[in-house]
């Protein structure tokens, strides 16, 4: 069972869905690692901070998003380097001659 848990954790797409469903033990609550400190946390209604272990870890993660330490990979929505020039050109083009 331990090897299946490792496979499920690191390679979830390699096992058929029926195998994954059969591997879940419904008698004990799901246990996840806190994204901030990696402490084991029970995933249930009694933990208002889930998936985090505490309010502190939740706020640290929020702060990392706020100061842009955490980012979603991809191209920026718009290159802001020429924004002033683009706005000035739009104003000129909108004025009657």
N, C-alpha and C. Protein backbone atom coordinates (compact mmCIF):
# COMPACT_ATOMS: atom_id res chain seq x y z
N UNK A 1 0.82 -1.19 0.00
CA UNK A 1 0.00 0.00 0.00
C UNK A 1 0.87 1.26 0.00
N UNK A 2 2.01 1.21 0.71
CA UNK A 2 2.88 2.39 0.77
C UNK A 2 3.42 2.74 -0.61
N UNK A 3 3.78 1.72 -1.40
CA UNK A 3 4.29 2.01 -2.74
C UNK A 3 3.21 2.60 -3.62
N UNK A 4 1.96 2.16 -3.47
CA UNK A 4 0.87 2.73 -4.25
C UNK A 4 0.62 4.18 -3.84
N UNK A 5 0.77 4.48 -2.56
CA UNK A 5 0.61 5.87 -2.11
C UNK A 5 1.68 6.76 -2.73
N UNK A 6 2.91 6.28 -2.81
CA UNK A 6 3.97 7.06 -3.44
C UNK A 6 3.69 7.25 -4.92
N UNK A 7 3.24 6.20 -5.58
CA UNK A 7 2.91 6.32 -7.00
C UNK A 7 1.78 7.32 -7.18
N UNK A 8 0.75 7.22 -6.34
CA UNK A 8 -0.39 8.12 -6.45
C UNK A 8 0.04 9.56 -6.21
N UNK A 9 0.96 9.76 -5.26
CA UNK A 9 1.38 11.11 -4.91
C UNK A 9 2.20 11.77 -6.02
N UNK A 10 3.14 11.04 -6.58
CA UNK A 10 4.07 11.63 -7.55
C UNK A 10 3.69 11.38 -9.01
N UNK A 11 2.92 10.34 -9.26
CA UNK A 11 2.53 10.02 -10.64
C UNK A 11 1.06 9.64 -10.70
N UNK A 12 0.16 10.58 -10.40
CA UNK A 12 -1.26 10.24 -10.31
C UNK A 12 -1.86 9.77 -11.62
N UNK A 13 -1.30 10.16 -12.75
CA UNK A 13 -1.87 9.77 -14.04
C UNK A 13 -1.48 8.37 -14.48
N UNK A 14 -0.57 7.72 -13.74
CA UNK A 14 -0.12 6.40 -14.16
C UNK A 14 -1.02 5.28 -13.69
N UNK A 15 -1.89 5.54 -12.71
CA UNK A 15 -2.80 4.51 -12.22
C UNK A 15 -4.20 4.72 -12.76
N UNK A 16 -4.90 3.65 -13.09
CA UNK A 16 -6.29 3.82 -13.54
C UNK A 16 -7.14 4.42 -12.43
N UNK A 17 -8.19 5.14 -12.81
CA UNK A 17 -9.04 5.80 -11.82
C UNK A 17 -9.68 4.80 -10.87
N UNK A 18 -10.03 3.61 -11.36
CA UNK A 18 -10.64 2.62 -10.47
C UNK A 18 -9.65 2.18 -9.40
N UNK A 19 -8.36 2.08 -9.75
CA UNK A 19 -7.35 1.74 -8.76
C UNK A 19 -7.23 2.85 -7.72
N UNK A 20 -7.25 4.10 -8.17
CA UNK A 20 -7.16 5.22 -7.23
C UNK A 20 -8.35 5.24 -6.30
N UNK A 21 -9.55 4.97 -6.82
CA UNK A 21 -10.73 4.98 -5.96
C UNK A 21 -10.67 3.85 -4.95
N UNK A 22 -10.18 2.69 -5.35
CA UNK A 22 -10.09 1.56 -4.43
C UNK A 22 -9.02 1.77 -3.38
N UNK A 23 -8.00 2.59 -3.70
CA UNK A 23 -6.91 2.82 -2.76
C UNK A 23 -7.31 3.76 -1.63
N UNK A 24 -8.34 4.57 -1.82
CA UNK A 24 -8.72 5.53 -0.79
C UNK A 24 -9.35 4.81 0.39
N UNK A 25 -8.87 5.12 1.57
CA UNK A 25 -9.42 4.56 2.80
C UNK A 25 -10.45 5.53 3.33
N UNK A 26 -11.71 5.15 3.31
CA UNK A 26 -12.78 6.07 3.71
C UNK A 26 -12.96 6.14 5.22
N UNK A 27 -12.26 5.33 5.99
CA UNK A 27 -12.44 5.35 7.44
C UNK A 27 -11.61 6.43 8.12
N UNK A 28 -10.58 6.91 7.48
CA UNK A 28 -9.77 7.96 8.10
C UNK A 28 -9.81 9.21 7.22
N UNK A 29 -9.73 10.38 7.84
CA UNK A 29 -9.80 11.63 7.04
C UNK A 29 -8.54 11.81 6.20
N UNK A 30 -8.69 12.56 5.14
CA UNK A 30 -7.58 12.86 4.25
C UNK A 30 -6.55 13.72 4.98
N UNK A 31 -5.30 13.38 4.81
CA UNK A 31 -4.21 14.13 5.44
C UNK A 31 -3.36 14.75 4.33
N UNK A 32 -3.16 16.06 4.39
CA UNK A 32 -2.38 16.77 3.38
C UNK A 32 -1.25 17.53 4.06
N UNK A 33 -0.27 17.93 3.27
CA UNK A 33 0.83 18.74 3.79
C UNK A 33 0.48 20.21 3.64
N UNK A 34 0.72 20.99 4.68
CA UNK A 34 0.51 22.43 4.62
C UNK A 34 1.41 22.99 3.53
N UNK A 35 0.86 23.78 2.59
CA UNK A 35 1.68 24.31 1.50
C UNK A 35 2.81 25.22 1.96
N UNK A 36 2.69 25.78 3.15
CA UNK A 36 3.70 26.72 3.65
C UNK A 36 4.80 26.02 4.43
N UNK A 37 4.43 25.22 5.44
CA UNK A 37 5.44 24.62 6.33
C UNK A 37 5.57 23.11 6.18
N UNK A 38 4.72 22.49 5.36
CA UNK A 38 4.73 21.05 5.07
C UNK A 38 4.27 20.18 6.24
N UNK A 39 3.74 20.77 7.30
CA UNK A 39 3.21 20.01 8.43
C UNK A 39 1.96 19.25 7.97
N UNK A 40 1.75 18.03 8.47
CA UNK A 40 0.58 17.24 8.10
C UNK A 40 -0.67 17.86 8.71
N UNK A 41 -1.72 17.98 7.89
CA UNK A 41 -2.97 18.61 8.30
C UNK A 41 -4.13 17.72 7.89
N UNK A 42 -5.09 17.55 8.78
CA UNK A 42 -6.30 16.81 8.43
C UNK A 42 -7.21 17.69 7.60
N UNK A 43 -7.70 17.15 6.50
CA UNK A 43 -8.61 17.90 5.62
C UNK A 43 -10.02 17.58 6.05
N UNK A 44 -10.55 18.42 6.94
CA UNK A 44 -11.93 18.25 7.39
C UNK A 44 -12.51 19.60 7.80
N UNK A 45 -13.79 19.60 8.09
CA UNK A 45 -14.50 20.85 8.41
C UNK A 45 -14.00 21.48 9.71
N UNK A 46 -13.35 20.73 10.56
CA UNK A 46 -12.86 21.27 11.83
C UNK A 46 -11.64 22.18 11.63
N UNK A 47 -11.00 22.13 10.48
CA UNK A 47 -9.85 22.99 10.21
C UNK A 47 -10.28 24.14 9.30
N UNK A 48 -10.51 25.32 9.87
CA UNK A 48 -10.97 26.45 9.05
C UNK A 48 -9.88 27.01 8.13
N UNK A 49 -8.62 26.60 8.32
CA UNK A 49 -7.52 27.15 7.53
C UNK A 49 -7.07 26.21 6.41
N UNK A 50 -7.76 25.10 6.23
CA UNK A 50 -7.30 24.12 5.25
C UNK A 50 -7.15 24.75 3.87
N UNK A 51 -6.14 24.46 3.13
CA UNK A 51 -5.15 23.40 3.31
C UNK A 51 -3.99 23.77 4.23
N UNK A 52 -4.03 24.94 4.83
CA UNK A 52 -2.95 25.37 5.71
C UNK A 52 -3.17 24.82 7.11
N UNK A 53 -2.11 24.79 7.91
CA UNK A 53 -2.21 24.25 9.27
C UNK A 53 -2.65 25.33 10.26
N UNK A 54 -2.47 26.60 9.92
CA UNK A 54 -2.78 27.67 10.86
C UNK A 54 -3.05 28.97 10.12
N UNK A 55 -3.56 29.93 10.88
CA UNK A 55 -3.80 31.25 10.31
C UNK A 55 -2.48 31.89 9.88
N UNK A 56 -1.44 31.65 10.65
CA UNK A 56 -0.12 32.21 10.33
C UNK A 56 0.36 31.74 8.95
N UNK A 57 0.29 30.44 8.70
CA UNK A 57 0.72 29.91 7.40
C UNK A 57 -0.15 30.45 6.27
N UNK A 58 -1.45 30.58 6.52
CA UNK A 58 -2.35 31.12 5.51
C UNK A 58 -1.97 32.56 5.17
N UNK A 59 -1.67 33.37 6.19
CA UNK A 59 -1.30 34.76 5.96
C UNK A 59 0.08 34.90 5.31
N UNK A 60 1.02 34.03 5.66
CA UNK A 60 2.32 34.05 5.00
C UNK A 60 2.17 33.76 3.51
N UNK A 61 1.32 32.80 3.17
CA UNK A 61 1.09 32.48 1.76
C UNK A 61 0.41 33.64 1.04
N UNK A 62 -0.57 34.26 1.68
CA UNK A 62 -1.24 35.41 1.09
C UNK A 62 -0.25 36.55 0.85
N UNK A 63 0.64 36.78 1.82
CA UNK A 63 1.66 37.81 1.66
C UNK A 63 2.60 37.54 0.50
N UNK A 64 2.94 36.26 0.29
CA UNK A 64 3.80 35.90 -0.83
C UNK A 64 3.12 36.19 -2.16
N UNK A 65 1.81 35.96 -2.24
CA UNK A 65 1.07 36.30 -3.46
C UNK A 65 1.01 37.82 -3.63
N UNK A 66 0.81 38.54 -2.52
CA UNK A 66 0.67 39.99 -2.59
C UNK A 66 1.96 40.67 -3.05
N UNK A 67 3.10 40.18 -2.59
CA UNK A 67 4.36 40.81 -3.02
C UNK A 67 4.94 40.14 -4.27
N UNK A 68 4.13 39.30 -4.91
CA UNK A 68 4.44 38.64 -6.18
C UNK A 68 5.61 37.67 -6.10
N UNK A 69 5.85 37.10 -4.91
CA UNK A 69 6.83 36.01 -4.80
C UNK A 69 6.26 34.76 -5.46
N UNK A 70 4.96 34.54 -5.33
CA UNK A 70 4.26 33.45 -6.01
C UNK A 70 3.67 34.02 -7.28
N UNK A 71 3.83 33.31 -8.37
CA UNK A 71 3.27 33.75 -9.65
C UNK A 71 2.74 32.56 -10.41
N UNK A 72 1.78 32.82 -11.26
CA UNK A 72 1.29 31.80 -12.17
C UNK A 72 2.10 31.93 -13.45
N UNK A 73 2.67 30.83 -13.89
CA UNK A 73 3.55 30.86 -15.05
C UNK A 73 2.78 31.25 -16.31
N UNK A 74 3.44 31.97 -17.18
CA UNK A 74 2.83 32.35 -18.44
C UNK A 74 3.28 33.72 -18.87
N UNK A 75 2.85 34.10 -20.04
CA UNK A 75 3.18 35.41 -20.58
C UNK A 75 2.40 36.49 -19.83
N UNK A 76 2.98 37.66 -19.63
CA UNK A 76 2.21 38.75 -19.02
C UNK A 76 1.05 39.14 -19.94
N UNK A 77 -0.02 39.59 -19.35
CA UNK A 77 -1.21 39.94 -20.12
C UNK A 77 -0.92 41.09 -21.07
N UNK A 78 -0.07 42.04 -20.64
CA UNK A 78 0.23 43.19 -21.48
C UNK A 78 1.60 43.73 -21.10
N UNK A 79 2.37 44.11 -22.09
CA UNK A 79 3.66 44.73 -21.83
C UNK A 79 3.40 46.19 -21.46
N UNK A 80 3.74 46.55 -20.24
CA UNK A 80 3.43 47.89 -19.75
C UNK A 80 4.53 48.91 -20.04
N UNK A 81 5.60 48.50 -20.70
CA UNK A 81 6.71 49.42 -20.92
C UNK A 81 6.32 50.57 -21.86
N UNK A 82 5.47 50.32 -22.84
CA UNK A 82 5.07 51.37 -23.78
C UNK A 82 3.66 51.86 -23.54
N UNK A 83 3.16 51.69 -22.33
CA UNK A 83 1.78 52.05 -22.03
C UNK A 83 1.51 53.55 -22.19
N UNK A 84 2.41 54.40 -21.70
CA UNK A 84 2.22 55.85 -21.83
C UNK A 84 2.17 56.29 -23.29
N UNK A 85 3.06 55.72 -24.09
CA UNK A 85 3.08 56.06 -25.52
C UNK A 85 1.79 55.58 -26.20
N UNK A 86 1.33 54.41 -25.86
CA UNK A 86 0.10 53.87 -26.43
C UNK A 86 -1.10 54.74 -26.08
N UNK A 87 -1.18 55.20 -24.83
CA UNK A 87 -2.28 56.07 -24.41
C UNK A 87 -2.21 57.43 -25.12
N UNK A 88 -1.02 57.98 -25.26
CA UNK A 88 -0.87 59.27 -25.95
C UNK A 88 -1.28 59.14 -27.41
N UNK A 89 -0.89 58.05 -28.06
CA UNK A 89 -1.27 57.84 -29.45
C UNK A 89 -2.78 57.67 -29.59
N UNK A 90 -3.41 56.97 -28.65
CA UNK A 90 -4.85 56.79 -28.68
C UNK A 90 -5.57 58.13 -28.51
N UNK A 91 -5.02 58.99 -27.63
CA UNK A 91 -5.63 60.33 -27.46
C UNK A 91 -5.51 61.16 -28.73
N UNK A 92 -4.34 61.11 -29.39
CA UNK A 92 -4.14 61.87 -30.64
C UNK A 92 -5.06 61.35 -31.73
N UNK A 93 -5.19 60.04 -31.84
CA UNK A 93 -6.02 59.45 -32.91
C UNK A 93 -7.49 59.75 -32.68
N UNK A 94 -7.89 59.95 -31.45
CA UNK A 94 -9.30 60.22 -31.13
C UNK A 94 -9.72 61.65 -31.31
N UNK A 95 -8.76 62.59 -31.41
CA UNK A 95 -9.08 64.01 -31.56
C UNK A 95 -9.39 64.36 -33.01
N UNK A 96 -10.36 65.25 -33.24
CA UNK A 96 -10.66 65.66 -34.60
C UNK A 96 -9.55 66.58 -35.13
N UNK A 97 -9.26 66.53 -36.42
CA UNK A 97 -8.19 67.35 -37.01
C UNK A 97 -8.71 68.64 -37.58
